[in-house]
Amino acid sequence: MPTRSGTGFFFDFSNNLSSKKLIGIITNKHVAKAGTLMALRHSSMGDSTTVPLPNFYKYLVEHPDPNVDLCVSFCCGDLNNTPYDGNVFTYSYDDIPTRDILSKYDDASRILIVGYPEVIIDHSHE
């Protein structure tokens, strides 16, 4: 199977009821279904680190609505004893804007893209 690329982000699903961390990798269903082995690759300033995620599919949960192209894998234990062990940036429920905040933006608002596959080149920001 050919190598494919996609994006995802870490989300902290932990709550105040437990001291345990519950971190998942959120991505698209079509990205998860494109392969049989998932790996995390982080590229920064010319350096690149790839970490296999052997339990990605074991802990994969797809959104129940077939029309929503999202899924999450709770495989972050695969990051133990790697350069990412305890060292990943996560989003959390606190980062999700309220409807009131969202109402202050319109369709013409500028946005910031927070990651995209390496195969996509953004010539205006090179």
C-alpha atoms as a PDB file:
ATOM      1  CA  MET A   1       0.000   0.000   0.000  1.00  0.00           C
ATOM      2  CA  PRO A   2       1.400   3.428  -0.881  1.00  0.00           C
ATOM      3  CA  THR A   3       2.389   5.924   1.791  1.00  0.00           C
ATOM      4  CA  ARG A   4      -0.230   8.585   2.347  1.00  0.00           C
ATOM      5  CA  SER A   5      -0.278  11.687   4.440  1.00  0.00           C
ATOM      6  CA  GLY A   6      -2.899  13.484   6.489  1.00  0.00           C
ATOM      7  CA  THR A   7      -3.259  15.759   9.459  1.00  0.00           C
ATOM      8  CA  GLY A   8      -4.537  15.401  12.963  1.00  0.00           C
ATOM      9  CA  PHE A   9      -4.179  16.986  16.365  1.00  0.00           C
ATOM     10  CA  PHE A  10      -3.978  15.967  19.982  1.00  0.00           C
ATOM     11  CA  PHE A  11      -7.032  16.624  22.123  1.00  0.00           C
ATOM     12  CA  ASP A  12      -7.149  16.290  25.914  1.00  0.00           C
ATOM     13  CA  PHE A  13     -10.478  14.684  26.801  1.00  0.00           C
ATOM     14  CA  SER A  14      -9.609  14.670  30.529  1.00  0.00           C
ATOM     15  CA  ASN A  15     -12.006  16.271  32.937  1.00  0.00           C
ATOM     16  CA  ASN A  16     -11.916  17.473  36.513  1.00  0.00           C
ATOM     17  CA  LEU A  17     -13.380  14.187  37.766  1.00  0.00           C
ATOM     18  CA  SER A  18     -10.207  12.163  37.313  1.00  0.00           C
ATOM     19  CA  SER A  19      -6.487  12.698  37.670  1.00  0.00           C
ATOM     20  CA  LYS A  20      -5.843  10.462  34.646  1.00  0.00           C
ATOM     21  CA  LYS A  21      -4.999  12.027  31.308  1.00  0.00           C
ATOM     22  CA  LEU A  22      -7.123  10.961  28.357  1.00  0.00           C
ATOM     23  CA  ILE A  23      -5.472  12.251  25.197  1.00  0.00           C
ATOM     24  CA  GLY A  24      -6.599  11.286  21.726  1.00  0.00           C
ATOM     25  CA  ILE A  25      -5.466  11.998  18.197  1.00  0.00           C
ATOM     26  CA  ILE A  26      -8.297  13.486  16.155  1.00  0.00           C
ATOM     27  CA  THR A  27      -8.151  13.068  12.380  1.00  0.00           C
ATOM     28  CA  ASN A  28     -10.462  12.365   9.469  1.00  0.00           C
ATOM     29  CA  LYS A  29     -12.083   8.986   8.874  1.00  0.00           C
ATOM     30  CA  HIS A  30     -10.821   8.975   5.287  1.00  0.00           C
ATOM     31  CA  VAL A  31      -7.256   9.460   6.579  1.00  0.00           C
ATOM     32  CA  ALA A  32      -7.589   6.561   9.040  1.00  0.00           C
ATOM     33  CA  LYS A  33      -9.170   4.281   6.422  1.00  0.00           C
ATOM     34  CA  ALA A  34      -6.414   4.986   3.889  1.00  0.00           C
ATOM     35  CA  GLY A  35      -3.873   2.705   5.542  1.00  0.00           C
ATOM     36  CA  THR A  36      -3.164  -0.254   7.744  1.00  0.00           C
ATOM     37  CA  LEU A  37      -0.329   1.255   9.806  1.00  0.00           C
ATOM     38  CA  MET A  38      -0.360   4.731  11.284  1.00  0.00           C
ATOM     39  CA  ALA A  39       2.663   6.767  12.335  1.00  0.00           C
ATOM     40  CA  LEU A  40       3.113  10.204  13.798  1.00  0.00           C
ATOM     41  CA  ARG A  41       5.532  12.395  11.898  1.00  0.00           C
ATOM     42  CA  HIS A  42       6.509  15.810  13.103  1.00  0.00           C
ATOM     43  CA  SER A  43       8.604  18.052  10.898  1.00  0.00           C
ATOM     44  CA  SER A  44      10.072  21.287  12.163  1.00  0.00           C
ATOM     45  CA  MET A  45      12.856  23.446  10.765  1.00  0.00           C
ATOM     46  CA  GLY A  46      14.211  20.609   8.619  1.00  0.00           C
ATOM     47  CA  ASP A  47      14.207  18.009  11.407  1.00  0.00           C
ATOM     48  CA  SER A  48      11.775  15.140  11.223  1.00  0.00           C
ATOM     49  CA  THR A  49      10.810  12.447  13.704  1.00  0.00           C
ATOM     50  CA  THR A  50       8.520   9.519  12.866  1.00  0.00           C
ATOM     51  CA  VAL A  51       6.981   7.379  15.598  1.00  0.00           C
ATOM     52  CA  PRO A  52       4.917   4.281  14.714  1.00  0.00           C
ATOM     53  CA  LEU A  53       1.498   4.065  16.370  1.00  0.00           C
ATOM     54  CA  PRO A  54       0.858   0.294  16.449  1.00  0.00           C
ATOM     55  CA  ASN A  55      -2.318   0.648  18.537  1.00  0.00           C
ATOM     56  CA  PHE A  56      -3.905   3.411  16.438  1.00  0.00           C
ATOM     57  CA  TYR A  57      -6.585   1.150  14.952  1.00  0.00           C
ATOM     58  CA  LYS A  58      -7.119  -0.825  18.167  1.00  0.00           C
ATOM     59  CA  TYR A  59      -8.285   2.329  19.982  1.00  0.00           C
ATOM     60  CA  LEU A  60      -9.977   4.051  17.039  1.00  0.00           C
ATOM     61  CA  VAL A  61     -13.464   5.499  17.568  1.00  0.00           C
ATOM     62  CA  GLU A  62     -15.300   6.839  14.527  1.00  0.00           C
ATOM     63  CA  HIS A  63     -17.935   9.553  14.731  1.00  0.00           C
ATOM     64  CA  PRO A  64     -21.295   7.711  14.753  1.00  0.00           C
ATOM     65  CA  ASP A  65     -22.745   9.896  11.960  1.00  0.00           C
ATOM     66  CA  PRO A  66     -21.482   8.477   8.631  1.00  0.00           C
ATOM     67  CA  ASN A  67     -21.661  11.988   7.158  1.00  0.00           C
ATOM     68  CA  VAL A  68     -19.161  13.384   9.700  1.00  0.00           C
ATOM     69  CA  ASP A  69     -15.607  12.682   8.553  1.00  0.00           C
ATOM     70  CA  LEU A  70     -14.000  12.584  12.014  1.00  0.00           C
ATOM     71  CA  CYS A  71     -12.502   9.952  14.273  1.00  0.00           C
ATOM     72  CA  VAL A  72     -10.272   9.777  17.332  1.00  0.00           C
ATOM     73  CA  SER A  73      -7.713   7.244  18.450  1.00  0.00           C
ATOM     74  CA  PHE A  74      -6.780   6.894  22.099  1.00  0.00           C
ATOM     75  CA  CYS A  75      -3.411   5.330  21.233  1.00  0.00           C
ATOM     76  CA  CYS A  76      -1.220   7.934  22.932  1.00  0.00           C
ATOM     77  CA  GLY A  77       0.316   5.244  25.129  1.00  0.00           C
ATOM     78  CA  ASP A  78       2.298   4.428  21.973  1.00  0.00           C
ATOM     79  CA  LEU A  79       4.198   7.670  22.584  1.00  0.00           C
ATOM     80  CA  ASN A  80       5.697   6.441  25.874  1.00  0.00           C
ATOM     81  CA  ASN A  81       9.498   6.328  25.734  1.00  0.00           C
ATOM     82  CA  THR A  82       9.600   8.367  22.513  1.00  0.00           C
ATOM     83  CA  PRO A  83      10.581  12.031  21.960  1.00  0.00           C
ATOM     84  CA  TYR A  84       6.848  12.825  22.377  1.00  0.00           C
ATOM     85  CA  ASP A  85       6.464  11.180  25.799  1.00  0.00           C
ATOM     86  CA  GLY A  86       4.676  13.837  27.873  1.00  0.00           C
ATOM     87  CA  ASN A  87       5.736  16.471  25.378  1.00  0.00           C
ATOM     88  CA  VAL A  88       2.825  17.116  23.017  1.00  0.00           C
ATOM     89  CA  PHE A  89       0.681  20.193  22.597  1.00  0.00           C
ATOM     90  CA  THR A  90      -2.965  19.380  23.174  1.00  0.00           C
ATOM     91  CA  TYR A  91      -6.187  21.220  22.634  1.00  0.00           C
ATOM     92  CA  SER A  92      -8.921  20.859  25.238  1.00  0.00           C
ATOM     93  CA  TYR A  93     -12.551  21.778  25.793  1.00  0.00           C
ATOM     94  CA  ASP A  94     -11.354  25.176  27.041  1.00  0.00           C
ATOM     95  CA  ASP A  95     -10.069  25.929  23.521  1.00  0.00           C
ATOM     96  CA  ILE A  96     -13.465  25.502  21.862  1.00  0.00           C
ATOM     97  CA  PRO A  97     -15.013  28.943  21.374  1.00  0.00           C
ATOM     98  CA  THR A  98     -18.521  29.635  22.597  1.00  0.00           C
ATOM     99  CA  ARG A  99     -21.323  30.559  20.193  1.00  0.00           C
ATOM    100  CA  ASP A 100     -21.032  34.135  21.445  1.00  0.00           C
ATOM    101  CA  ILE A 101     -17.368  34.334  20.465  1.00  0.00           C
ATOM    102  CA  LEU A 102     -18.016  32.656  17.110  1.00  0.00           C
ATOM    103  CA  SER A 103     -20.786  35.134  16.333  1.00  0.00           C
ATOM    104  CA  LYS A 104     -18.168  37.915  16.237  1.00  0.00           C
ATOM    105  CA  TYR A 105     -16.577  36.435  13.095  1.00  0.00           C
ATOM    106  CA  ASP A 106     -17.980  36.427   9.597  1.00  0.00           C
ATOM    107  CA  ASP A 107     -17.211  34.371   6.497  1.00  0.00           C
ATOM    108  CA  ALA A 108     -14.587  36.892   5.385  1.00  0.00           C
ATOM    109  CA  SER A 109     -12.511  36.617   8.589  1.00  0.00           C
ATOM    110  CA  ARG A 110      -8.878  35.613   8.192  1.00  0.00           C
ATOM    111  CA  ILE A 111      -7.971  32.179   9.497  1.00  0.00           C
ATOM    112  CA  LEU A 112      -4.772  30.433  10.495  1.00  0.00           C
ATOM    113  CA  ILE A 113      -4.169  26.926   9.170  1.00  0.00           C
ATOM    114  CA  VAL A 114      -2.864  24.701  11.969  1.00  0.00           C
ATOM    115  CA  GLY A 115      -1.178  21.998   9.959  1.00  0.00           C
ATOM    116  CA  TYR A 116      -1.514  20.303   6.651  1.00  0.00           C
ATOM    117  CA  PRO A 117       0.183  17.362   4.965  1.00  0.00           C
ATOM    118  CA  GLU A 118       3.740  17.920   3.766  1.00  0.00           C
ATOM    119  CA  VAL A 119       2.635  17.165   0.222  1.00  0.00           C
ATOM    120  CA  ILE A 120       0.667  20.413   0.190  1.00  0.00           C
ATOM    121  CA  ILE A 121       2.883  23.410  -0.431  1.00  0.00           C
ATOM    122  CA  ASP A 122       1.946  26.881   0.716  1.00  0.00           C
ATOM    123  CA  HIS A 123       3.997  29.075  -1.608  1.00  0.00           C
ATOM    124  CA  SER A 124       2.838  32.335  -0.011  1.00  0.00           C
ATOM    125  CA  HIS A 125       4.437  31.431   3.368  1.00  0.00           C
ATOM    126  CA  GLU A 126       7.706  29.798   2.317  1.00  0.00           C
END
